[in-house]
């Protein structure tokens, strides 16, 4: 039996301020992770869903980057105001939030049309 049904990884990679690709840490990823963790617990999902810090997910230019497993759904540009929608739509109702998909074939190759 699986310990968790879903894992949410939030990139908290830090790069120098002048790095051309930026980094998720500068875009508020730590606050997003904390919000996800608190809301998962408040919803009583903490025994089946886990939110974890991730190092570099190699999608800095799309940050804040969040990836949900086992579905391998990659979200980009995630803000605090997106947390509730990700939880209610994707995590609770298994309906990924399409407007937040990283629209690059390297990430959501099976979900993005040419």
Foldseek 3Di string as FASTA:
>chain_A
DDQAQKEKEWELEQDPPPDPLHAQVVVPRVVLLVLLVVVCVVVVNVRHYYYYYDYDPPNSNFPRWMAMPPVQFIFGPDDNVCNVVCCVQCVVVVHHDVVRGDQDCVRPVVPHDD
